[in-house]
């Protein structure tokens, strides 16, 4: 056995040991909890069409891991789908895992919950930019508060009527539902 083969074997052993030391995702018993949010967007910097606001909110909801069967209905869009509304509103209905309170009787459908690290910043998720600062701020206050999160860090700093100087930097862990075989089958082509 040459010294190169021996070195390769040692490197593979070291790599496999390092991989074995990585912790498995932390699992917890949870239940699907239905949330409804009347999302009323008021921003000074960016204005959205009703469809544009719906698209951005859906992007954020998918990114934080809510169940894919969410429903987002537009409100205040009587003058056409693509018209920029002064104050567009959305009715958002979604399911996300929650840890049942001890002694609760109506806890919902059980699901295995996993803690997922999330970082929301410019281009994370892709398609989010500095002009979306006020939207992300309102999403944090009105929608993220409905999710089970922990270890919040970072902040948002929006300067009205400015695109330069806005900072989006939210980091947290969110409880998401573990993928099931049925879900994976439904997602495959």
N, C-alpha and C. Protein backbone atom coordinates (compact mmCIF):
# COMPACT_ATOMS: atom_id res chain seq x y z
N UNK A 1 0.85 -1.17 0.00
CA UNK A 1 0.00 0.00 0.00
C UNK A 1 0.90 1.23 0.00
N UNK A 2 0.68 2.09 -0.98
CA UNK A 2 1.52 3.27 -1.09
C UNK A 2 1.11 4.31 -0.04
N UNK A 3 1.97 5.26 0.18
CA UNK A 3 1.68 6.30 1.16
C UNK A 3 0.51 7.17 0.72
N UNK A 4 0.28 7.32 -0.62
CA UNK A 4 -0.85 8.11 -1.12
C UNK A 4 -2.18 7.43 -0.76
N UNK A 5 -2.25 6.13 -0.94
CA UNK A 5 -3.47 5.40 -0.61
C UNK A 5 -3.73 5.48 0.90
N UNK A 6 -2.67 5.34 1.69
CA UNK A 6 -2.81 5.45 3.14
C UNK A 6 -3.32 6.83 3.54
N UNK A 7 -2.80 7.88 2.91
CA UNK A 7 -3.25 9.24 3.18
C UNK A 7 -4.72 9.42 2.80
N UNK A 8 -5.12 8.85 1.68
CA UNK A 8 -6.50 8.93 1.22
C UNK A 8 -7.43 8.22 2.21
N UNK A 9 -7.02 7.05 2.69
CA UNK A 9 -7.83 6.31 3.66
C UNK A 9 -7.99 7.13 4.94
N UNK A 10 -6.91 7.73 5.42
CA UNK A 10 -6.98 8.57 6.63
C UNK A 10 -7.90 9.77 6.41
N UNK A 11 -7.83 10.39 5.25
CA UNK A 11 -8.69 11.54 4.96
C UNK A 11 -10.15 11.13 4.94
N UNK A 12 -10.46 9.97 4.34
CA UNK A 12 -11.84 9.49 4.30
C UNK A 12 -12.35 9.15 5.69
N UNK A 13 -11.51 8.55 6.52
CA UNK A 13 -11.91 8.25 7.89
C UNK A 13 -12.19 9.53 8.67
N UNK A 14 -11.35 10.53 8.50
CA UNK A 14 -11.55 11.80 9.19
C UNK A 14 -12.84 12.46 8.73
N UNK A 15 -13.11 12.41 7.42
CA UNK A 15 -14.34 13.02 6.89
C UNK A 15 -15.57 12.29 7.40
N UNK A 16 -15.54 10.97 7.44
CA UNK A 16 -16.71 10.22 7.91
C UNK A 16 -16.95 10.46 9.40
N UNK A 17 -15.90 10.62 10.18
CA UNK A 17 -16.04 10.94 11.60
C UNK A 17 -16.66 12.32 11.77
N UNK A 18 -16.22 13.28 10.95
CA UNK A 18 -16.77 14.64 11.04
C UNK A 18 -18.24 14.64 10.67
N UNK A 19 -18.63 13.88 9.66
CA UNK A 19 -20.03 13.80 9.28
C UNK A 19 -20.87 13.13 10.36
N UNK A 20 -20.31 12.13 11.01
CA UNK A 20 -21.05 11.44 12.07
C UNK A 20 -21.27 12.34 13.27
N UNK A 21 -20.41 13.34 13.47
CA UNK A 21 -20.55 14.24 14.61
C UNK A 21 -21.62 15.30 14.41
N UNK A 22 -22.09 15.52 13.15
CA UNK A 22 -23.11 16.52 12.92
C UNK A 22 -24.41 16.05 13.57
N UNK A 23 -25.07 16.93 14.32
CA UNK A 23 -26.30 16.51 15.01
C UNK A 23 -27.44 16.34 14.01
N UNK A 24 -28.33 15.40 14.31
CA UNK A 24 -29.54 15.26 13.53
C UNK A 24 -30.43 16.46 13.84
N UNK A 25 -31.32 16.81 12.91
CA UNK A 25 -32.23 17.92 13.22
C UNK A 25 -33.03 17.60 14.47
N UNK A 26 -33.22 18.61 15.29
CA UNK A 26 -33.97 18.41 16.53
C UNK A 26 -35.44 18.21 16.21
N UNK A 27 -35.99 17.08 16.63
CA UNK A 27 -37.38 16.74 16.36
C UNK A 27 -38.21 17.00 17.61
N UNK A 28 -39.47 17.36 17.39
CA UNK A 28 -40.38 17.57 18.49
C UNK A 28 -41.80 17.22 18.05
N UNK A 29 -42.59 16.75 18.98
CA UNK A 29 -44.00 16.46 18.69
C UNK A 29 -44.74 17.77 18.53
N UNK A 30 -45.51 17.88 17.46
CA UNK A 30 -46.25 19.11 17.18
C UNK A 30 -47.59 18.75 16.56
N UNK A 31 -48.38 19.77 16.29
CA UNK A 31 -49.67 19.60 15.62
C UNK A 31 -49.85 20.76 14.66
N UNK A 32 -50.55 20.50 13.55
CA UNK A 32 -50.83 21.56 12.58
C UNK A 32 -51.79 22.56 13.20
N UNK A 33 -51.43 23.82 13.15
CA UNK A 33 -52.27 24.89 13.69
C UNK A 33 -52.66 25.81 12.54
N UNK A 34 -53.96 26.07 12.43
CA UNK A 34 -54.46 26.97 11.39
C UNK A 34 -54.32 28.41 11.85
N UNK A 35 -53.79 29.25 10.97
CA UNK A 35 -53.68 30.67 11.27
C UNK A 35 -54.34 31.47 10.16
N UNK A 36 -54.99 32.54 10.54
CA UNK A 36 -55.59 33.47 9.58
C UNK A 36 -55.07 34.85 9.89
N UNK A 37 -54.61 35.54 8.85
CA UNK A 37 -54.04 36.87 9.01
C UNK A 37 -54.68 37.80 7.99
N UNK A 38 -55.21 38.94 8.46
CA UNK A 38 -55.61 40.01 7.56
C UNK A 38 -54.40 40.91 7.42
N UNK A 39 -53.74 40.80 6.28
CA UNK A 39 -52.48 41.51 6.05
C UNK A 39 -52.78 42.79 5.28
N UNK A 40 -52.61 43.90 5.94
CA UNK A 40 -52.89 45.23 5.38
C UNK A 40 -51.55 45.91 5.17
N UNK A 41 -51.13 46.05 3.93
CA UNK A 41 -49.81 46.62 3.65
C UNK A 41 -49.88 48.14 3.54
N UNK A 42 -49.06 48.80 4.34
CA UNK A 42 -48.89 50.25 4.25
C UNK A 42 -47.39 50.53 4.20
N UNK A 43 -46.93 50.96 3.05
CA UNK A 43 -45.51 51.27 2.90
C UNK A 43 -45.32 52.62 2.25
N UNK A 44 -44.20 53.24 2.54
CA UNK A 44 -43.88 54.54 1.97
C UNK A 44 -42.93 54.44 0.78
N UNK A 45 -42.15 53.38 0.72
CA UNK A 45 -41.10 53.27 -0.29
C UNK A 45 -41.56 52.52 -1.52
N UNK A 46 -42.15 51.37 -1.35
CA UNK A 46 -42.54 50.52 -2.46
C UNK A 46 -44.04 50.33 -2.45
N UNK A 47 -44.64 50.43 -3.64
CA UNK A 47 -46.05 50.13 -3.81
C UNK A 47 -46.15 48.87 -4.66
N UNK A 48 -47.14 48.06 -4.35
CA UNK A 48 -47.32 46.78 -5.03
C UNK A 48 -48.66 46.72 -5.73
N UNK A 49 -48.70 46.00 -6.85
CA UNK A 49 -49.99 45.59 -7.39
C UNK A 49 -50.52 44.53 -6.44
N UNK A 50 -51.78 44.23 -6.54
CA UNK A 50 -52.33 43.19 -5.68
C UNK A 50 -51.65 41.85 -5.95
N UNK A 51 -51.43 41.55 -7.23
CA UNK A 51 -50.74 40.31 -7.58
C UNK A 51 -49.29 40.31 -7.13
N UNK A 52 -48.63 41.46 -7.19
CA UNK A 52 -47.24 41.55 -6.75
C UNK A 52 -47.10 41.34 -5.25
N UNK A 53 -48.02 41.92 -4.48
CA UNK A 53 -47.99 41.73 -3.02
C UNK A 53 -48.25 40.27 -2.68
N UNK A 54 -49.23 39.68 -3.35
CA UNK A 54 -49.55 38.28 -3.11
C UNK A 54 -48.34 37.40 -3.42
N UNK A 55 -47.66 37.68 -4.51
CA UNK A 55 -46.49 36.90 -4.92
C UNK A 55 -45.36 37.00 -3.89
N UNK A 56 -45.09 38.20 -3.39
CA UNK A 56 -44.01 38.38 -2.39
C UNK A 56 -44.34 37.69 -1.07
N UNK A 57 -45.60 37.80 -0.64
CA UNK A 57 -46.00 37.17 0.62
C UNK A 57 -45.93 35.64 0.48
N UNK A 58 -46.36 35.12 -0.66
CA UNK A 58 -46.28 33.68 -0.89
C UNK A 58 -44.82 33.22 -0.88
N UNK A 59 -43.95 34.00 -1.49
CA UNK A 59 -42.51 33.70 -1.48
C UNK A 59 -41.99 33.58 -0.05
N UNK A 60 -42.36 34.54 0.80
CA UNK A 60 -41.91 34.53 2.20
C UNK A 60 -42.52 33.36 2.98
N UNK A 61 -43.79 33.08 2.76
CA UNK A 61 -44.44 31.96 3.46
C UNK A 61 -43.79 30.63 3.09
N UNK A 62 -43.53 30.42 1.81
CA UNK A 62 -42.85 29.19 1.39
C UNK A 62 -41.46 29.11 2.00
N UNK A 63 -40.77 30.23 2.06
CA UNK A 63 -39.40 30.27 2.56
C UNK A 63 -39.31 29.90 4.05
N UNK A 64 -40.32 30.32 4.83
CA UNK A 64 -40.29 30.01 6.26
C UNK A 64 -40.90 28.65 6.57
N UNK A 65 -41.43 27.95 5.55
CA UNK A 65 -41.81 26.56 5.74
C UNK A 65 -43.23 26.27 6.17
N UNK A 66 -44.19 27.16 5.84
CA UNK A 66 -45.57 26.80 6.15
C UNK A 66 -46.03 25.71 5.20
N UNK A 67 -47.11 25.05 5.54
CA UNK A 67 -47.63 23.96 4.71
C UNK A 67 -48.02 24.51 3.33
N UNK A 68 -47.74 23.77 2.25
CA UNK A 68 -47.96 24.31 0.90
C UNK A 68 -49.41 24.56 0.51
N UNK A 69 -50.38 24.14 1.30
CA UNK A 69 -51.78 24.35 0.93
C UNK A 69 -52.33 25.69 1.41
N UNK A 70 -51.45 26.69 1.55
CA UNK A 70 -51.87 28.02 2.01
C UNK A 70 -52.84 28.65 1.01
N UNK A 71 -53.65 29.56 1.49
CA UNK A 71 -54.56 30.32 0.64
C UNK A 71 -54.30 31.80 0.89
N UNK A 72 -54.16 32.54 -0.22
CA UNK A 72 -53.93 33.99 -0.14
C UNK A 72 -54.96 34.65 -1.05
N UNK A 73 -55.87 35.42 -0.46
CA UNK A 73 -56.89 36.11 -1.22
C UNK A 73 -56.64 37.62 -1.17
N UNK A 74 -56.79 38.27 -2.32
CA UNK A 74 -56.55 39.71 -2.41
C UNK A 74 -57.78 40.48 -1.98
N UNK A 75 -57.55 41.60 -1.33
CA UNK A 75 -58.63 42.50 -0.91
C UNK A 75 -58.22 43.91 -1.31
N UNK A 76 -59.20 44.76 -1.57
CA UNK A 76 -58.90 46.15 -1.93
C UNK A 76 -58.34 46.26 -3.34
N UNK A 77 -58.70 45.31 -4.20
CA UNK A 77 -58.16 45.28 -5.56
C UNK A 77 -59.30 45.36 -6.57
N UNK A 78 -60.31 46.15 -6.27
CA UNK A 78 -61.51 46.20 -7.09
C UNK A 78 -61.26 46.75 -8.49
N UNK A 79 -60.19 47.48 -8.69
CA UNK A 79 -59.97 48.17 -9.96
C UNK A 79 -59.04 47.43 -10.89
N UNK A 80 -58.86 46.16 -10.69
CA UNK A 80 -58.04 45.39 -11.61
C UNK A 80 -56.86 44.75 -10.91
N UNK A 81 -56.51 43.59 -11.39
CA UNK A 81 -55.46 42.77 -10.78
C UNK A 81 -54.10 43.45 -10.81
N UNK A 82 -53.79 44.12 -11.91
CA UNK A 82 -52.45 44.70 -12.05
C UNK A 82 -52.36 46.16 -11.61
N UNK A 83 -53.46 46.77 -11.23
CA UNK A 83 -53.41 48.16 -10.77
C UNK A 83 -52.69 48.23 -9.43
N UNK A 84 -51.86 49.24 -9.28
CA UNK A 84 -51.20 49.44 -7.99
C UNK A 84 -52.25 50.00 -7.03
N UNK A 85 -52.51 49.26 -5.98
CA UNK A 85 -53.51 49.68 -5.00
C UNK A 85 -52.84 50.57 -3.95
N UNK A 86 -53.58 51.55 -3.45
CA UNK A 86 -53.01 52.42 -2.43
C UNK A 86 -52.69 51.65 -1.16
N UNK A 87 -53.61 50.82 -0.73
CA UNK A 87 -53.41 50.03 0.47
C UNK A 87 -53.92 48.61 0.22
N UNK A 88 -53.16 47.80 -0.52
CA UNK A 88 -53.63 46.44 -0.80
C UNK A 88 -53.67 45.61 0.47
N UNK A 89 -54.63 44.70 0.50
CA UNK A 89 -54.80 43.82 1.65
C UNK A 89 -54.86 42.39 1.16
N UNK A 90 -54.44 41.50 2.02
CA UNK A 90 -54.51 40.07 1.74
C UNK A 90 -55.17 39.38 2.92
N UNK A 91 -55.93 38.38 2.61
CA UNK A 91 -56.44 37.46 3.64
C UNK A 91 -55.60 36.20 3.47
N UNK A 92 -54.82 35.85 4.49
CA UNK A 92 -53.89 34.73 4.41
C UNK A 92 -54.37 33.64 5.37
N UNK A 93 -54.49 32.43 4.86
CA UNK A 93 -54.85 31.27 5.68
C UNK A 93 -53.79 30.21 5.44
N UNK A 94 -53.15 29.77 6.53
CA UNK A 94 -52.09 28.77 6.38
C UNK A 94 -52.04 27.89 7.62
N UNK A 95 -51.35 26.76 7.44
CA UNK A 95 -51.11 25.83 8.54
C UNK A 95 -49.61 25.75 8.80
N UNK A 96 -49.25 25.76 10.06
CA UNK A 96 -47.86 25.61 10.47
C UNK A 96 -47.83 24.81 11.76
N UNK A 97 -46.76 24.07 12.00
CA UNK A 97 -46.68 23.28 13.24
C UNK A 97 -46.61 24.17 14.48
N UNK A 98 -47.24 23.73 15.52
CA UNK A 98 -47.17 24.40 16.82
C UNK A 98 -47.04 23.31 17.88
N UNK A 99 -46.42 23.65 18.97
CA UNK A 99 -46.29 22.72 20.09
C UNK A 99 -47.54 22.88 20.96
N UNK A 100 -48.33 21.82 21.08
CA UNK A 100 -49.59 21.92 21.85
C UNK A 100 -49.33 22.27 23.32
N UNK A 101 -50.22 23.06 23.85
CA UNK A 101 -50.17 23.41 25.27
C UNK A 101 -50.58 22.19 26.09
N UNK A 102 -49.92 21.94 27.21
CA UNK A 102 -50.34 20.82 28.05
C UNK A 102 -51.80 20.98 28.48
N UNK A 103 -52.57 19.90 28.36
CA UNK A 103 -53.97 19.93 28.74
C UNK A 103 -54.91 20.40 27.65
N UNK A 104 -54.38 20.78 26.47
CA UNK A 104 -55.24 21.20 25.36
C UNK A 104 -56.05 20.03 24.85
N UNK A 105 -57.29 20.28 24.50
CA UNK A 105 -58.15 19.22 23.99
C UNK A 105 -58.21 19.25 22.47
N UNK A 106 -58.19 20.42 21.86
CA UNK A 106 -58.29 20.54 20.41
C UNK A 106 -56.92 20.95 19.86
N UNK A 107 -56.04 19.96 19.68
CA UNK A 107 -54.66 20.27 19.30
C UNK A 107 -54.41 20.19 17.81
N UNK A 108 -55.30 19.62 17.01
CA UNK A 108 -55.10 19.53 15.57
C UNK A 108 -54.41 18.24 15.18
N UNK A 109 -54.20 18.08 13.88
CA UNK A 109 -53.58 16.88 13.32
C UNK A 109 -52.11 16.82 13.72
N UNK A 110 -51.65 15.70 14.28
CA UNK A 110 -50.26 15.60 14.73
C UNK A 110 -49.27 15.61 13.56
N UNK A 111 -48.10 16.15 13.81
CA UNK A 111 -47.02 16.20 12.83
C UNK A 111 -45.69 16.18 13.58
N UNK A 112 -44.70 15.61 12.97
CA UNK A 112 -43.35 15.65 13.54
C UNK A 112 -42.74 17.00 13.17
N UNK A 113 -42.38 17.78 14.16
CA UNK A 113 -41.80 19.10 13.92
C UNK A 113 -40.28 19.06 13.92
N UNK A 114 -39.70 19.82 13.02
CA UNK A 114 -38.24 19.98 12.94
C UNK A 114 -37.91 21.46 13.02
N UNK A 115 -36.84 21.79 13.73
CA UNK A 115 -36.41 23.19 13.81
C UNK A 115 -35.53 23.49 12.61
N UNK A 116 -35.92 24.50 11.84
CA UNK A 116 -35.21 24.89 10.61
C UNK A 116 -34.63 26.29 10.79
N UNK A 117 -33.33 26.46 10.55
CA UNK A 117 -32.76 27.81 10.61
C UNK A 117 -33.18 28.61 9.37
N UNK A 118 -33.56 29.86 9.58
CA UNK A 118 -34.01 30.73 8.50
C UNK A 118 -33.26 32.05 8.60
N UNK A 119 -32.86 32.56 7.45
CA UNK A 119 -32.23 33.87 7.38
C UNK A 119 -32.91 34.64 6.25
N UNK A 120 -33.58 35.73 6.60
CA UNK A 120 -34.24 36.58 5.60
C UNK A 120 -33.39 37.83 5.44
N UNK A 121 -32.92 38.03 4.22
CA UNK A 121 -32.11 39.21 3.91
C UNK A 121 -32.25 39.49 2.43
N UNK A 122 -31.56 40.48 1.93
CA UNK A 122 -31.63 40.80 0.50
C UNK A 122 -31.24 39.57 -0.31
N UNK A 123 -32.09 39.19 -1.24
CA UNK A 123 -31.93 38.01 -2.10
C UNK A 123 -32.00 36.68 -1.36
N UNK A 124 -32.50 36.66 -0.16
CA UNK A 124 -32.74 35.41 0.55
C UNK A 124 -34.08 35.54 1.26
N UNK A 125 -35.14 35.07 0.67
CA UNK A 125 -35.22 34.24 -0.53
C UNK A 125 -34.95 35.05 -1.79
N UNK A 126 -34.57 34.32 -2.83
CA UNK A 126 -34.28 34.96 -4.11
C UNK A 126 -35.50 35.73 -4.57
N UNK A 127 -35.29 36.97 -4.98
CA UNK A 127 -36.38 37.83 -5.41
C UNK A 127 -36.72 38.90 -4.39
N UNK A 128 -36.10 38.85 -3.24
CA UNK A 128 -36.32 39.85 -2.20
C UNK A 128 -35.22 40.91 -2.32
N UNK A 129 -35.59 42.19 -2.35
CA UNK A 129 -34.56 43.22 -2.46
C UNK A 129 -34.80 44.34 -1.44
N UNK A 130 -33.95 45.35 -1.47
CA UNK A 130 -34.02 46.44 -0.48
C UNK A 130 -35.34 47.17 -0.49
N UNK A 131 -36.02 47.22 -1.64
CA UNK A 131 -37.32 47.88 -1.72
C UNK A 131 -38.41 47.14 -0.98
N UNK A 132 -38.15 45.90 -0.61
CA UNK A 132 -39.13 45.10 0.12
C UNK A 132 -38.96 45.21 1.63
N UNK A 133 -38.16 46.14 2.09
CA UNK A 133 -37.85 46.26 3.51
C UNK A 133 -39.11 46.43 4.36
N UNK A 134 -39.98 47.37 3.99
CA UNK A 134 -41.18 47.61 4.79
C UNK A 134 -42.12 46.40 4.75
N UNK A 135 -42.17 45.70 3.62
CA UNK A 135 -42.99 44.50 3.53
C UNK A 135 -42.47 43.43 4.49
N UNK A 136 -41.16 43.22 4.51
CA UNK A 136 -40.58 42.21 5.40
C UNK A 136 -40.81 42.61 6.86
N UNK A 137 -40.71 43.88 7.16
CA UNK A 137 -40.96 44.35 8.52
C UNK A 137 -42.40 44.04 8.95
N UNK A 138 -43.36 44.31 8.07
CA UNK A 138 -44.76 44.03 8.39
C UNK A 138 -45.03 42.52 8.42
N UNK A 139 -44.37 41.76 7.56
CA UNK A 139 -44.48 40.30 7.57
C UNK A 139 -43.98 39.76 8.91
N UNK A 140 -42.85 40.29 9.38
CA UNK A 140 -42.31 39.86 10.68
C UNK A 140 -43.31 40.13 11.80
N UNK A 141 -43.90 41.30 11.80
CA UNK A 141 -44.78 41.69 12.90
C UNK A 141 -46.13 40.98 12.85
N UNK A 142 -46.67 40.74 11.66
CA UNK A 142 -48.04 40.22 11.56
C UNK A 142 -48.13 38.73 11.26
N UNK A 143 -47.13 38.18 10.56
CA UNK A 143 -47.22 36.78 10.16
C UNK A 143 -46.28 35.90 10.97
N UNK A 144 -45.02 36.30 11.12
CA UNK A 144 -44.08 35.46 11.87
C UNK A 144 -44.53 35.26 13.31
N UNK A 145 -45.27 36.22 13.84
CA UNK A 145 -45.77 36.07 15.21
C UNK A 145 -46.77 34.91 15.33
N UNK A 146 -47.30 34.43 14.22
CA UNK A 146 -48.23 33.30 14.23
C UNK A 146 -47.49 31.96 14.17
N UNK A 147 -46.20 31.98 13.89
CA UNK A 147 -45.40 30.76 13.77
C UNK A 147 -44.67 30.48 15.08
N UNK A 148 -44.26 29.24 15.25
CA UNK A 148 -43.46 28.87 16.40
C UNK A 148 -42.00 29.08 16.03
N UNK A 149 -41.38 30.08 16.66
CA UNK A 149 -39.99 30.42 16.35
C UNK A 149 -39.18 30.46 17.64
N UNK A 150 -37.87 30.45 17.48
CA UNK A 150 -36.97 30.61 18.63
C UNK A 150 -35.65 31.21 18.15
N UNK A 151 -34.85 31.65 19.08
CA UNK A 151 -33.52 32.22 18.84
C UNK A 151 -33.53 33.35 17.81
N UNK A 152 -34.39 34.36 18.00
CA UNK A 152 -34.37 35.47 17.03
C UNK A 152 -33.09 36.28 17.15
N UNK A 153 -32.62 36.74 16.00
CA UNK A 153 -31.42 37.59 15.95
C UNK A 153 -31.57 38.51 14.76
N UNK A 154 -30.71 39.52 14.72
CA UNK A 154 -30.75 40.46 13.61
C UNK A 154 -31.90 41.44 13.76
N UNK A 155 -32.09 42.25 12.74
CA UNK A 155 -33.13 43.26 12.79
C UNK A 155 -33.41 43.77 11.39
N UNK A 156 -34.38 44.65 11.30
CA UNK A 156 -34.74 45.31 10.05
C UNK A 156 -34.64 46.80 10.30
N UNK A 157 -34.02 47.51 9.37
CA UNK A 157 -33.94 48.96 9.46
C UNK A 157 -34.38 49.53 8.13
N UNK A 158 -35.61 50.06 8.07
CA UNK A 158 -36.16 50.62 6.84
C UNK A 158 -36.18 52.14 6.94
N UNK A 159 -35.70 52.78 5.90
CA UNK A 159 -35.72 54.23 5.82
C UNK A 159 -36.79 54.60 4.79
N UNK A 160 -37.90 55.23 5.23
CA UNK A 160 -38.98 55.55 4.30
C UNK A 160 -38.49 56.39 3.12
N UNK A 161 -39.01 56.09 1.96
CA UNK A 161 -38.71 56.79 0.70
C UNK A 161 -37.26 56.61 0.26
N UNK A 162 -36.55 55.63 0.79
CA UNK A 162 -35.15 55.39 0.43
C UNK A 162 -34.95 53.92 0.06
N UNK A 163 -34.15 53.67 -0.95
CA UNK A 163 -33.77 52.30 -1.27
C UNK A 163 -32.37 52.00 -0.75
N UNK A 164 -31.57 53.03 -0.59
CA UNK A 164 -30.21 52.86 -0.08
C UNK A 164 -30.24 53.06 1.43
N UNK A 165 -29.57 52.18 2.15
CA UNK A 165 -29.51 52.27 3.60
C UNK A 165 -30.49 51.35 4.31
N UNK A 166 -31.40 50.73 3.56
CA UNK A 166 -32.31 49.76 4.17
C UNK A 166 -31.53 48.49 4.48
N UNK A 167 -31.83 47.90 5.62
CA UNK A 167 -31.15 46.66 6.01
C UNK A 167 -32.18 45.64 6.44
N UNK A 168 -32.14 44.49 5.78
CA UNK A 168 -32.99 43.36 6.14
C UNK A 168 -32.05 42.26 6.61
N UNK A 169 -32.15 41.89 7.87
CA UNK A 169 -31.29 40.84 8.42
C UNK A 169 -32.03 40.16 9.57
N UNK A 170 -32.92 39.24 9.22
CA UNK A 170 -33.65 38.47 10.23
C UNK A 170 -33.11 37.05 10.25
N UNK A 171 -32.80 36.57 11.44
CA UNK A 171 -32.34 35.19 11.61
C UNK A 171 -33.09 34.58 12.78
N UNK A 172 -33.57 33.36 12.57
CA UNK A 172 -34.31 32.68 13.62
C UNK A 172 -34.44 31.22 13.24
N UNK A 173 -34.97 30.43 14.15
CA UNK A 173 -35.32 29.05 13.85
C UNK A 173 -36.84 28.97 13.89
N UNK A 174 -37.40 28.22 12.94
CA UNK A 174 -38.84 28.07 12.87
C UNK A 174 -39.17 26.58 12.87
N UNK A 175 -40.27 26.24 13.54
CA UNK A 175 -40.72 24.86 13.58
C UNK A 175 -41.47 24.55 12.28
N UNK A 176 -40.99 23.57 11.54
CA UNK A 176 -41.63 23.15 10.29
C UNK A 176 -42.02 21.69 10.40
N UNK A 177 -42.96 21.29 9.56
CA UNK A 177 -43.40 19.89 9.54
C UNK A 177 -42.41 19.03 8.79
N UNK A 178 -42.10 17.87 9.34
CA UNK A 178 -41.19 16.94 8.67
C UNK A 178 -41.86 16.43 7.40
N UNK A 179 -41.11 16.36 6.30
CA UNK A 179 -41.69 15.84 5.07
C UNK A 179 -42.13 14.39 5.25
N UNK A 180 -43.27 14.07 4.69
CA UNK A 180 -43.77 12.70 4.76
C UNK A 180 -43.70 12.07 3.38
N UNK A 181 -43.86 10.76 3.31
CA UNK A 181 -43.82 10.06 2.02
C UNK A 181 -44.97 10.54 1.13
N UNK A 182 -46.15 10.79 1.70
CA UNK A 182 -47.28 11.27 0.92
C UNK A 182 -46.99 12.64 0.31
N UNK A 183 -46.37 13.53 1.10
CA UNK A 183 -46.03 14.85 0.62
C UNK A 183 -44.99 14.78 -0.50
N UNK A 184 -43.97 13.94 -0.31
CA UNK A 184 -42.92 13.81 -1.33
C UNK A 184 -43.51 13.26 -2.63
N UNK A 185 -44.45 12.31 -2.52
CA UNK A 185 -45.09 11.74 -3.71
C UNK A 185 -45.92 12.80 -4.44
N UNK A 186 -46.61 13.65 -3.69
CA UNK A 186 -47.43 14.70 -4.30
C UNK A 186 -46.57 15.76 -4.99
N UNK A 187 -45.33 15.98 -4.51
CA UNK A 187 -44.46 17.00 -5.07
C UNK A 187 -43.69 16.50 -6.30
N UNK A 188 -43.57 15.18 -6.46
CA UNK A 188 -42.78 14.65 -7.57
C UNK A 188 -43.59 14.72 -8.87
N UNK A 189 -42.89 14.91 -10.04
CA UNK A 189 -43.59 15.04 -11.31
C UNK A 189 -44.20 13.75 -11.79
